[in-house]
Amino acid sequence: MSLAATGDLVREAAAGGRAVAAFNIITLEHAEAVVAGAERVRTAVVLQLSENAVKFRDGQLLPIARAAAACAEAAAVPVALHLDHVKSPELLRQAADAGFASVMYDAAHLPYGENLEATRSAADWAHANGLWIEAELGEVGGKKGDAPLDPHAPGARTDPDEARRFVSDSGVDALAVAIGSTHAMTTRTAALDHALLARLAKALDVPLVLHGSSGLPDSELAAAVAGGIRKVNIGTALNVAMTEAIRSNLTGADPRPYLAAARTAMTATAAAMISALN
């Protein structure tokens, strides 16, 4: 099957009142597991590579991007490629030639005016090169080991009126909103601000994206989708499954047994979390 377009998958999910699961991958085993999990539940999915994952691979985007694309093209369900949390303009400009249908440009750490200016420039470039673009307003904490923001700290939640202006002025196709989730959570104990989500869904006419979703129980994920979330980013849940499987199977010098166990564990996790959204 040829590579799908992220925007098309999100629109199709929105039309059915669902959300697309978008999994951050680091290794080939991640990509294989996500595709296998999506095939198990017969549902489209997005494979995401973050700027941090590219840095881990010595800054080389193409080797892992080509591997992910090969997994997607061999899949029995639609699979799209998305370049996630990009801050580097140089990396952004590699996306179109590397098989990505979409990109999340991350300037949320900047003051509002600088975020808007940088995001508008990124959106102009993305659209000129056929890419669907996502941005973030408010800040979902927990990236790179940072402590999560206090839910009541300035900038920790997305303001609906500001979000409406930001989307209109930047021209982005989707917006990641900060409503109480946190990146890198290893327990599923977080709770969302569903009243704020309702206000955001009413204020905005672009798809809403939820980051930091690994820390949410199934009931919160389902409620987020019912409230208008149309793309759900998941990463840490895969890494937890992978690490636990490797720890349990780390014997001998051959890496294949423990990597196979890790892939099997991640497949089950991916299938379960996709099912929670649909």
C-alpha atoms as a PDB file:
ATOM      1  CA  MET A   1       0.000   0.000   0.000  1.00  0.00           C
ATOM      2  CA  SER A   2       1.355   3.460  -0.837  1.00  0.00           C
ATOM      3  CA  LEU A   3       2.043   5.980   1.889  1.00  0.00           C
ATOM      4  CA  ALA A   4      -1.078   7.702   3.192  1.00  0.00           C
ATOM      5  CA  ALA A   5      -1.422  11.436   3.837  1.00  0.00           C
ATOM      6  CA  THR A   6      -1.748  12.447   7.480  1.00  0.00           C
ATOM      7  CA  GLY A   7      -4.300  15.138   6.711  1.00  0.00           C
ATOM      8  CA  ASP A   8      -6.505  12.627   4.901  1.00  0.00           C
ATOM      9  CA  LEU A   9      -6.375  10.187   7.832  1.00  0.00           C
ATOM     10  CA  VAL A  10      -7.269  12.924  10.301  1.00  0.00           C
ATOM     11  CA  ARG A  11     -10.167  14.157   8.165  1.00  0.00           C
ATOM     12  CA  GLU A  12     -11.527  10.625   7.758  1.00  0.00           C
ATOM     13  CA  ALA A  13     -11.283  10.027  11.501  1.00  0.00           C
ATOM     14  CA  ALA A  14     -13.008  13.328  12.243  1.00  0.00           C
ATOM     15  CA  ALA A  15     -15.854  12.482   9.885  1.00  0.00           C
ATOM     16  CA  GLY A  16     -16.438   9.311  11.901  1.00  0.00           C
ATOM     17  CA  GLY A  17     -16.073  10.958  15.315  1.00  0.00           C
ATOM     18  CA  ARG A  18     -12.768   9.139  15.891  1.00  0.00           C
ATOM     19  CA  ALA A  19      -9.092  10.043  16.314  1.00  0.00           C
ATOM     20  CA  VAL A  20      -5.975   8.819  14.541  1.00  0.00           C
ATOM     21  CA  ALA A  21      -3.304   7.252  16.743  1.00  0.00           C
ATOM     22  CA  ALA A  22       0.141   8.667  15.972  1.00  0.00           C
ATOM     23  CA  PHE A  23       3.050   6.742  17.479  1.00  0.00           C
ATOM     24  CA  ASN A  24       6.535   8.118  17.978  1.00  0.00           C
ATOM     25  CA  ILE A  25       9.123   5.600  16.847  1.00  0.00           C
ATOM     26  CA  ILE A  26      12.844   5.347  17.552  1.00  0.00           C
ATOM     27  CA  THR A  27      13.939   1.977  16.155  1.00  0.00           C
ATOM     28  CA  LEU A  28      12.900  -0.288  13.302  1.00  0.00           C
ATOM     29  CA  GLU A  29      11.248  -2.537  15.897  1.00  0.00           C
ATOM     30  CA  HIS A  30       9.031   0.382  16.932  1.00  0.00           C
ATOM     31  CA  ALA A  31       7.888   0.901  13.349  1.00  0.00           C
ATOM     32  CA  GLU A  32       7.265  -2.797  12.754  1.00  0.00           C
ATOM     33  CA  ALA A  33       5.295  -3.090  15.986  1.00  0.00           C
ATOM     34  CA  VAL A  34       3.071  -0.082  15.311  1.00  0.00           C
ATOM     35  CA  VAL A  35       2.210  -1.329  11.828  1.00  0.00           C
ATOM     36  CA  ALA A  36       1.523  -4.836  13.163  1.00  0.00           C
ATOM     37  CA  GLY A  37      -0.689  -3.403  15.900  1.00  0.00           C
ATOM     38  CA  ALA A  38      -2.634  -1.302  13.399  1.00  0.00           C
ATOM     39  CA  GLU A  39      -3.087  -4.317  11.144  1.00  0.00           C
ATOM     40  CA  ARG A  40      -4.315  -6.362  14.111  1.00  0.00           C
ATOM     41  CA  VAL A  41      -7.187  -3.917  14.690  1.00  0.00           C
ATOM     42  CA  ARG A  42      -7.548  -3.003  10.990  1.00  0.00           C
ATOM     43  CA  THR A  43      -7.127   0.721  11.547  1.00  0.00           C
ATOM     44  CA  ALA A  44      -5.040   3.423   9.888  1.00  0.00           C
ATOM     45  CA  VAL A  45      -2.138   4.847  11.867  1.00  0.00           C
ATOM     46  CA  VAL A  46       0.609   7.479  11.766  1.00  0.00           C
ATOM     47  CA  LEU A  47       4.313   6.743  12.293  1.00  0.00           C
ATOM     48  CA  GLN A  48       6.084   9.745  13.809  1.00  0.00           C
ATOM     49  CA  LEU A  49       9.763  10.620  14.042  1.00  0.00           C
ATOM     50  CA  SER A  50      10.654  13.439  16.423  1.00  0.00           C
ATOM     51  CA  GLU A  51      13.605  15.766  16.194  1.00  0.00           C
ATOM     52  CA  ASN A  52      14.941  14.095  19.357  1.00  0.00           C
ATOM     53  CA  ALA A  53      14.739  10.683  17.678  1.00  0.00           C
ATOM     54  CA  VAL A  54      16.671  12.045  14.692  1.00  0.00           C
ATOM     55  CA  LYS A  55      19.323  13.429  17.045  1.00  0.00           C
ATOM     56  CA  PHE A  56      19.600   9.969  18.627  1.00  0.00           C
ATOM     57  CA  ARG A  57      20.360   8.599  15.176  1.00  0.00           C
ATOM     58  CA  ASP A  58      23.361  10.936  14.860  1.00  0.00           C
ATOM     59  CA  GLY A  59      21.229  13.554  13.131  1.00  0.00           C
ATOM     60  CA  GLN A  60      20.577  11.307  10.144  1.00  0.00           C
ATOM     61  CA  LEU A  61      16.916  11.449   9.112  1.00  0.00           C
ATOM     62  CA  LEU A  62      16.910   9.319   5.969  1.00  0.00           C
ATOM     63  CA  PRO A  63      17.944   5.857   7.279  1.00  0.00           C
ATOM     64  CA  ILE A  64      15.116   5.571   9.808  1.00  0.00           C
ATOM     65  CA  ALA A  65      12.688   7.503   7.581  1.00  0.00           C
ATOM     66  CA  ARG A  66      13.317   5.121   4.688  1.00  0.00           C
ATOM     67  CA  ALA A  67      12.847   2.122   7.004  1.00  0.00           C
ATOM     68  CA  ALA A  68       9.582   3.534   8.354  1.00  0.00           C
ATOM     69  CA  ALA A  69       8.369   4.244   4.825  1.00  0.00           C
ATOM     70  CA  ALA A  70       9.136   0.657   3.804  1.00  0.00           C
ATOM     71  CA  CYS A  71       7.091  -0.631   6.756  1.00  0.00           C
ATOM     72  CA  ALA A  72       4.236   1.679   5.810  1.00  0.00           C
ATOM     73  CA  GLU A  73       4.266   0.675   2.166  1.00  0.00           C
ATOM     74  CA  ALA A  74       4.124  -3.028   3.097  1.00  0.00           C
ATOM     75  CA  ALA A  75       1.223  -2.508   5.511  1.00  0.00           C
ATOM     76  CA  ALA A  76      -2.277  -3.852   4.977  1.00  0.00           C
ATOM     77  CA  VAL A  77      -3.752  -0.626   6.425  1.00  0.00           C
ATOM     78  CA  PRO A  78      -3.104   3.041   5.537  1.00  0.00           C
ATOM     79  CA  VAL A  79       0.010   4.415   7.243  1.00  0.00           C
ATOM     80  CA  ALA A  80       1.297   7.991   7.083  1.00  0.00           C
ATOM     81  CA  LEU A  81       4.675   9.461   8.086  1.00  0.00           C
ATOM     82  CA  HIS A  82       4.851  12.560  10.290  1.00  0.00           C
ATOM     83  CA  LEU A  83       7.911  14.556  11.415  1.00  0.00           C
ATOM     84  CA  ASP A  84       7.248  15.551  15.023  1.00  0.00           C
ATOM     85  CA  HIS A  85       8.330  18.367  17.363  1.00  0.00           C
ATOM     86  CA  VAL A  86      10.609  20.010  14.828  1.00  0.00           C
ATOM     87  CA  LYS A  87      12.417  23.134  15.977  1.00  0.00           C
ATOM     88  CA  SER A  88      15.260  23.090  13.448  1.00  0.00           C
ATOM     89  CA  PRO A  89      14.477  24.875  10.152  1.00  0.00           C
ATOM     90  CA  GLU A  90      17.090  22.672   8.497  1.00  0.00           C
ATOM     91  CA  LEU A  91      15.333  19.477   9.599  1.00  0.00           C
ATOM     92  CA  LEU A  92      11.945  20.902   8.605  1.00  0.00           C
ATOM     93  CA  ARG A  93      13.188  21.388   5.071  1.00  0.00           C
ATOM     94  CA  GLN A  94      14.228  17.748   4.770  1.00  0.00           C
ATOM     95  CA  ALA A  95      10.685  16.485   5.384  1.00  0.00           C
ATOM     96  CA  ALA A  96       9.234  16.722   1.900  1.00  0.00           C
ATOM     97  CA  ASP A  97      12.034  14.764   0.242  1.00  0.00           C
ATOM     98  CA  ALA A  98      12.084  12.085   2.965  1.00  0.00           C
ATOM     99  CA  GLY A  99       8.535  10.797   2.460  1.00  0.00           C
ATOM    100  CA  PHE A 100       6.754  12.768   5.177  1.00  0.00           C
ATOM    101  CA  ALA A 101       3.211  13.950   4.517  1.00  0.00           C
ATOM    102  CA  SER A 102       3.121  16.224   7.553  1.00  0.00           C
ATOM    103  CA  VAL A 103       5.179  17.993  10.169  1.00  0.00           C
ATOM    104  CA  MET A 104       4.624  19.387  13.653  1.00  0.00           C
ATOM    105  CA  TYR A 105       6.564  22.627  13.988  1.00  0.00           C
ATOM    106  CA  ASP A 106       7.300  23.313  17.646  1.00  0.00           C
ATOM    107  CA  ALA A 107       7.809  26.932  18.669  1.00  0.00           C
ATOM    108  CA  ALA A 108       5.553  26.698  21.738  1.00  0.00           C
ATOM    109  CA  HIS A 109       8.491  27.431  24.033  1.00  0.00           C
ATOM    110  CA  LEU A 110       8.768  30.938  22.566  1.00  0.00           C
ATOM    111  CA  PRO A 111       6.747  34.015  23.569  1.00  0.00           C
ATOM    112  CA  TYR A 112       3.454  34.258  21.683  1.00  0.00           C
ATOM    113  CA  GLY A 113       4.617  36.743  19.049  1.00  0.00           C
ATOM    114  CA  GLU A 114       7.790  34.812  18.254  1.00  0.00           C
ATOM    115  CA  ASN A 115       5.872  31.517  18.197  1.00  0.00           C
ATOM    116  CA  LEU A 116       3.397  32.999  15.721  1.00  0.00           C
ATOM    117  CA  GLU A 117       6.086  34.447  13.465  1.00  0.00           C
ATOM    118  CA  ALA A 118       8.134  31.243  13.374  1.00  0.00           C
ATOM    119  CA  THR A 119       5.068  29.039  12.888  1.00  0.00           C
ATOM    120  CA  ARG A 120       3.659  31.207  10.107  1.00  0.00           C
ATOM    121  CA  SER A 121       6.967  30.974   8.246  1.00  0.00           C
ATOM    122  CA  ALA A 122       7.032  27.185   8.733  1.00  0.00           C
ATOM    123  CA  ALA A 123       3.416  26.895   7.553  1.00  0.00           C
ATOM    124  CA  ASP A 124       4.129  28.899   4.423  1.00  0.00           C
ATOM    125  CA  TRP A 125       7.031  26.609   3.576  1.00  0.00           C
ATOM    126  CA  ALA A 126       5.092  23.447   4.417  1.00  0.00           C
ATOM    127  CA  HIS A 127       2.110  24.350   2.264  1.00  0.00           C
ATOM    128  CA  ALA A 128       4.362  25.372  -0.637  1.00  0.00           C
ATOM    129  CA  ASN A 129       5.862  21.879  -0.433  1.00  0.00           C
ATOM    130  CA  GLY A 130       2.616  19.937  -0.070  1.00  0.00           C
ATOM    131  CA  LEU A 131       2.849  19.237   3.670  1.00  0.00           C
ATOM    132  CA  TRP A 132       0.077  19.325   6.283  1.00  0.00           C
ATOM    133  CA  ILE A 133       1.328  21.210   9.343  1.00  0.00           C
ATOM    134  CA  GLU A 134       0.539  21.022  13.052  1.00  0.00           C
ATOM    135  CA  ALA A 135       1.635  23.497  15.718  1.00  0.00           C
ATOM    136  CA  GLU A 136       1.283  23.823  19.487  1.00  0.00           C
ATOM    137  CA  LEU A 137      -0.061  26.586  21.702  1.00  0.00           C
ATOM    138  CA  GLY A 138       0.292  26.296  25.447  1.00  0.00           C
ATOM    139  CA  GLU A 139       2.967  23.906  26.623  1.00  0.00           C
ATOM    140  CA  VAL A 140       2.720  20.189  27.240  1.00  0.00           C
ATOM    141  CA  GLY A 141       5.606  19.660  29.685  1.00  0.00           C
ATOM    142  CA  GLY A 142       7.867  16.699  30.225  1.00  0.00           C
ATOM    143  CA  LYS A 143      10.015  16.855  27.087  1.00  0.00           C
ATOM    144  CA  LYS A 144      13.684  15.862  27.444  1.00  0.00           C
ATOM    145  CA  GLY A 145      13.286  15.052  31.131  1.00  0.00           C
ATOM    146  CA  ASP A 146      11.943  18.471  32.091  1.00  0.00           C
ATOM    147  CA  ALA A 147       9.536  18.572  35.027  1.00  0.00           C
ATOM    148  CA  PRO A 148       5.911  18.917  33.955  1.00  0.00           C
ATOM    149  CA  LEU A 149       4.399  22.371  34.203  1.00  0.00           C
ATOM    150  CA  ASP A 150       2.000  23.077  37.015  1.00  0.00           C
ATOM    151  CA  PRO A 151      -1.484  22.902  35.453  1.00  0.00           C
ATOM    152  CA  HIS A 152      -2.174  26.440  36.665  1.00  0.00           C
ATOM    153  CA  ALA A 153       1.143  27.971  35.588  1.00  0.00           C
ATOM    154  CA  PRO A 154       1.001  30.748  32.975  1.00  0.00           C
ATOM    155  CA  GLY A 155       1.172  29.179  29.532  1.00  0.00           C
ATOM    156  CA  ALA A 156       0.498  25.669  30.763  1.00  0.00           C
ATOM    157  CA  ARG A 157      -2.986  25.567  29.236  1.00  0.00           C
ATOM    158  CA  THR A 158      -4.160  26.683  25.818  1.00  0.00           C
ATOM    159  CA  ASP A 159      -6.409  29.742  25.854  1.00  0.00           C
ATOM    160  CA  PRO A 160      -9.314  29.358  23.370  1.00  0.00           C
ATOM    161  CA  ASP A 161      -9.404  33.002  22.244  1.00  0.00           C
ATOM    162  CA  GLU A 162      -5.643  33.117  21.774  1.00  0.00           C
ATOM    163  CA  ALA A 163      -5.791  29.778  19.954  1.00  0.00           C
ATOM    164  CA  ARG A 164      -8.409  31.094  17.524  1.00  0.00           C
ATOM    165  CA  ARG A 165      -6.198  34.065  16.650  1.00  0.00           C
ATOM    166  CA  PHE A 166      -3.097  31.893  16.415  1.00  0.00           C
ATOM    167  CA  VAL A 167      -4.660  29.427  13.971  1.00  0.00           C
ATOM    168  CA  SER A 168      -6.072  32.203  11.808  1.00  0.00           C
ATOM    169  CA  ASP A 169      -2.837  34.196  11.718  1.00  0.00           C
ATOM    170  CA  SER A 170      -0.443  31.246  11.310  1.00  0.00           C
ATOM    171  CA  GLY A 171      -2.391  29.227   8.746  1.00  0.00           C
ATOM    172  CA  VAL A 172      -1.679  25.862  10.392  1.00  0.00           C
ATOM    173  CA  ASP A 173      -3.807  22.804   9.593  1.00  0.00           C
ATOM    174  CA  ALA A 174      -4.066  21.412  13.136  1.00  0.00           C
ATOM    175  CA  LEU A 175      -3.322  22.551  16.663  1.00  0.00           C
ATOM    176  CA  ALA A 176      -1.868  20.598  19.575  1.00  0.00           C
ATOM    177  CA  VAL A 177      -3.538  21.869  22.736  1.00  0.00           C
ATOM    178  CA  ALA A 178      -2.370  21.799  26.334  1.00  0.00           C
ATOM    179  CA  ILE A 179      -5.264  20.501  28.443  1.00  0.00           C
ATOM    180  CA  GLY A 180      -3.509  18.612  31.242  1.00  0.00           C
ATOM    181  CA  SER A 181      -1.476  15.815  29.660  1.00  0.00           C
ATOM    182  CA  THR A 182       2.300  15.533  30.039  1.00  0.00           C
ATOM    183  CA  HIS A 183       5.022  13.990  27.909  1.00  0.00           C
ATOM    184  CA  ALA A 184       7.047  11.013  29.160  1.00  0.00           C
ATOM    185  CA  MET A 185       4.593   9.744  31.777  1.00  0.00           C
ATOM    186  CA  THR A 186       5.196   6.082  32.615  1.00  0.00           C
ATOM    187  CA  THR A 187       1.966   5.646  34.596  1.00  0.00           C
ATOM    188  CA  ARG A 188      -1.527   6.111  33.175  1.00  0.00           C
ATOM    189  CA  THR A 189      -2.854   8.396  35.896  1.00  0.00           C
ATOM    190  CA  ALA A 190      -3.263  11.803  34.228  1.00  0.00           C
ATOM    191  CA  ALA A 191      -6.595  13.599  33.905  1.00  0.00           C
ATOM    192  CA  LEU A 192      -7.607  16.154  31.294  1.00  0.00           C
ATOM    193  CA  ASP A 193      -9.452  19.448  31.562  1.00  0.00           C
ATOM    194  CA  HIS A 194     -12.506  18.426  29.550  1.00  0.00           C
ATOM    195  CA  ALA A 195     -14.270  21.742  30.090  1.00  0.00           C
ATOM    196  CA  LEU A 196     -11.337  23.520  28.444  1.00  0.00           C
ATOM    197  CA  LEU A 197     -11.334  20.968  25.626  1.00  0.00           C
ATOM    198  CA  ALA A 198     -15.011  21.745  24.972  1.00  0.00           C
ATOM    199  CA  ARG A 199     -14.232  25.470  24.743  1.00  0.00           C
ATOM    200  CA  LEU A 200     -11.326  24.823  22.380  1.00  0.00           C
ATOM    201  CA  ALA A 201     -13.385  22.538  20.150  1.00  0.00           C
ATOM    202  CA  LYS A 202     -16.057  25.245  19.897  1.00  0.00           C
ATOM    203  CA  ALA A 203     -13.537  28.006  19.200  1.00  0.00           C
ATOM    204  CA  LEU A 204     -11.447  26.287  16.530  1.00  0.00           C
ATOM    205  CA  ASP A 205     -12.238  24.935  13.087  1.00  0.00           C
ATOM    206  CA  VAL A 206      -9.057  22.869  12.672  1.00  0.00           C
ATOM    207  CA  PRO A 207      -8.419  19.374  14.095  1.00  0.00           C
ATOM    208  CA  LEU A 208      -7.219  19.298  17.698  1.00  0.00           C
ATOM    209  CA  VAL A 209      -4.208  17.162  18.648  1.00  0.00           C
ATOM    210  CA  LEU A 210      -3.389  15.650  22.039  1.00  0.00           C
ATOM    211  CA  HIS A 211       0.257  15.224  23.016  1.00  0.00           C
ATOM    212  CA  GLY A 212       1.549  13.297  26.022  1.00  0.00           C
ATOM    213  CA  SER A 213      -1.180  10.678  25.736  1.00  0.00           C
ATOM    214  CA  SER A 214       0.736   7.728  27.220  1.00  0.00           C
ATOM    215  CA  GLY A 215      -0.131   8.950  30.701  1.00  0.00           C
ATOM    216  CA  LEU A 216      -3.892   8.806  30.143  1.00  0.00           C
ATOM    217  CA  PRO A 217      -6.126   5.838  31.017  1.00  0.00           C
ATOM    218  CA  ASP A 218      -8.449   4.484  28.335  1.00  0.00           C
ATOM    219  CA  SER A 219     -11.429   6.322  29.814  1.00  0.00           C
ATOM    220  CA  GLU A 220      -9.654   9.683  29.481  1.00  0.00           C
ATOM    221  CA  LEU A 221      -8.577   8.901  25.924  1.00  0.00           C
ATOM    222  CA  ALA A 222     -12.132   7.989  24.947  1.00  0.00           C
ATOM    223  CA  ALA A 223     -13.484  11.154  26.576  1.00  0.00           C
ATOM    224  CA  ALA A 224     -10.881  13.264  24.749  1.00  0.00           C
ATOM    225  CA  VAL A 225     -11.954  11.812  21.404  1.00  0.00           C
ATOM    226  CA  ALA A 226     -15.617  12.372  22.269  1.00  0.00           C
ATOM    227  CA  GLY A 227     -14.697  15.964  23.126  1.00  0.00           C
ATOM    228  CA  GLY A 228     -13.103  16.697  19.764  1.00  0.00           C
ATOM    229  CA  ILE A 229      -9.503  15.433  19.765  1.00  0.00           C
ATOM    230  CA  ARG A 230      -8.715  14.067  16.293  1.00  0.00           C
ATOM    231  CA  LYS A 231      -5.030  13.045  16.516  1.00  0.00           C
ATOM    232  CA  VAL A 232      -3.494  11.413  19.580  1.00  0.00           C
ATOM    233  CA  ASN A 233       0.286  11.250  19.998  1.00  0.00           C
ATOM    234  CA  ILE A 234       1.717   8.237  21.845  1.00  0.00           C
ATOM    235  CA  GLY A 235       5.365   7.447  22.517  1.00  0.00           C
ATOM    236  CA  THR A 236       6.320   6.566  26.067  1.00  0.00           C
ATOM    237  CA  ALA A 237       3.818   3.695  26.260  1.00  0.00           C
ATOM    238  CA  LEU A 238       5.738   1.926  23.508  1.00  0.00           C
ATOM    239  CA  ASN A 239       9.047   2.546  25.252  1.00  0.00           C
ATOM    240  CA  VAL A 240       7.727   1.181  28.546  1.00  0.00           C
ATOM    241  CA  ALA A 241       6.525  -1.986  26.804  1.00  0.00           C
ATOM    242  CA  MET A 242       9.833  -2.358  24.976  1.00  0.00           C
ATOM    243  CA  THR A 243      12.011  -1.836  28.038  1.00  0.00           C
ATOM    244  CA  GLU A 244      10.029  -4.199  30.249  1.00  0.00           C
ATOM    245  CA  ALA A 245      10.177  -6.932  27.596  1.00  0.00           C
ATOM    246  CA  ILE A 246      13.929  -6.514  27.135  1.00  0.00           C
ATOM    247  CA  ARG A 247      14.542  -6.671  30.876  1.00  0.00           C
ATOM    248  CA  SER A 248      12.563  -9.894  31.078  1.00  0.00           C
ATOM    249  CA  ASN A 249      14.338 -11.523  28.134  1.00  0.00           C
ATOM    250  CA  LEU A 250      17.885 -10.195  28.373  1.00  0.00           C
ATOM    251  CA  THR A 251      19.929 -13.395  28.314  1.00  0.00           C
ATOM    252  CA  GLY A 252      22.771 -14.476  26.090  1.00  0.00           C
ATOM    253  CA  ALA A 253      24.652 -12.449  23.511  1.00  0.00           C
ATOM    254  CA  ASP A 254      22.133 -12.660  20.662  1.00  0.00           C
ATOM    255  CA  PRO A 255      19.901  -9.545  20.610  1.00  0.00           C
ATOM    256  CA  ARG A 256      17.193 -11.157  18.484  1.00  0.00           C
ATOM    257  CA  PRO A 257      15.264 -12.935  21.264  1.00  0.00           C
ATOM    258  CA  TYR A 258      14.879  -9.838  23.424  1.00  0.00           C
ATOM    259  CA  LEU A 259      14.214  -7.535  20.468  1.00  0.00           C
ATOM    260  CA  ALA A 260      11.558  -9.969  19.224  1.00  0.00           C
ATOM    261  CA  ALA A 261       9.953  -9.932  22.670  1.00  0.00           C
ATOM    262  CA  ALA A 262      10.090  -6.140  22.687  1.00  0.00           C
ATOM    263  CA  ARG A 263       8.442  -5.947  19.272  1.00  0.00           C
ATOM    264  CA  THR A 264       5.683  -8.319  20.381  1.00  0.00           C
ATOM    265  CA  ALA A 265       5.048  -6.258  23.510  1.00  0.00           C
ATOM    266  CA  MET A 266       4.930  -2.999  21.558  1.00  0.00           C
ATOM    267  CA  THR A 267       2.541  -4.546  19.035  1.00  0.00           C
ATOM    268  CA  ALA A 268       0.091  -5.395  21.818  1.00  0.00           C
ATOM    269  CA  THR A 269       0.408  -1.895  23.287  1.00  0.00           C
ATOM    270  CA  ALA A 270      -0.153  -0.222  19.922  1.00  0.00           C
ATOM    271  CA  ALA A 271      -3.217  -2.354  19.165  1.00  0.00           C
ATOM    272  CA  ALA A 272      -4.728  -1.660  22.580  1.00  0.00           C
ATOM    273  CA  MET A 273      -4.219   2.097  22.394  1.00  0.00           C
ATOM    274  CA  ILE A 274      -5.556   2.334  18.841  1.00  0.00           C
ATOM    275  CA  SER A 275      -8.641   0.446  19.985  1.00  0.00           C
ATOM    276  CA  ALA A 276      -9.157   2.875  22.860  1.00  0.00           C
ATOM    277  CA  LEU A 277      -9.604   5.704  20.339  1.00  0.00           C
ATOM    278  CA  ASN A 278     -12.121   3.997  18.074  1.00  0.00           C
END
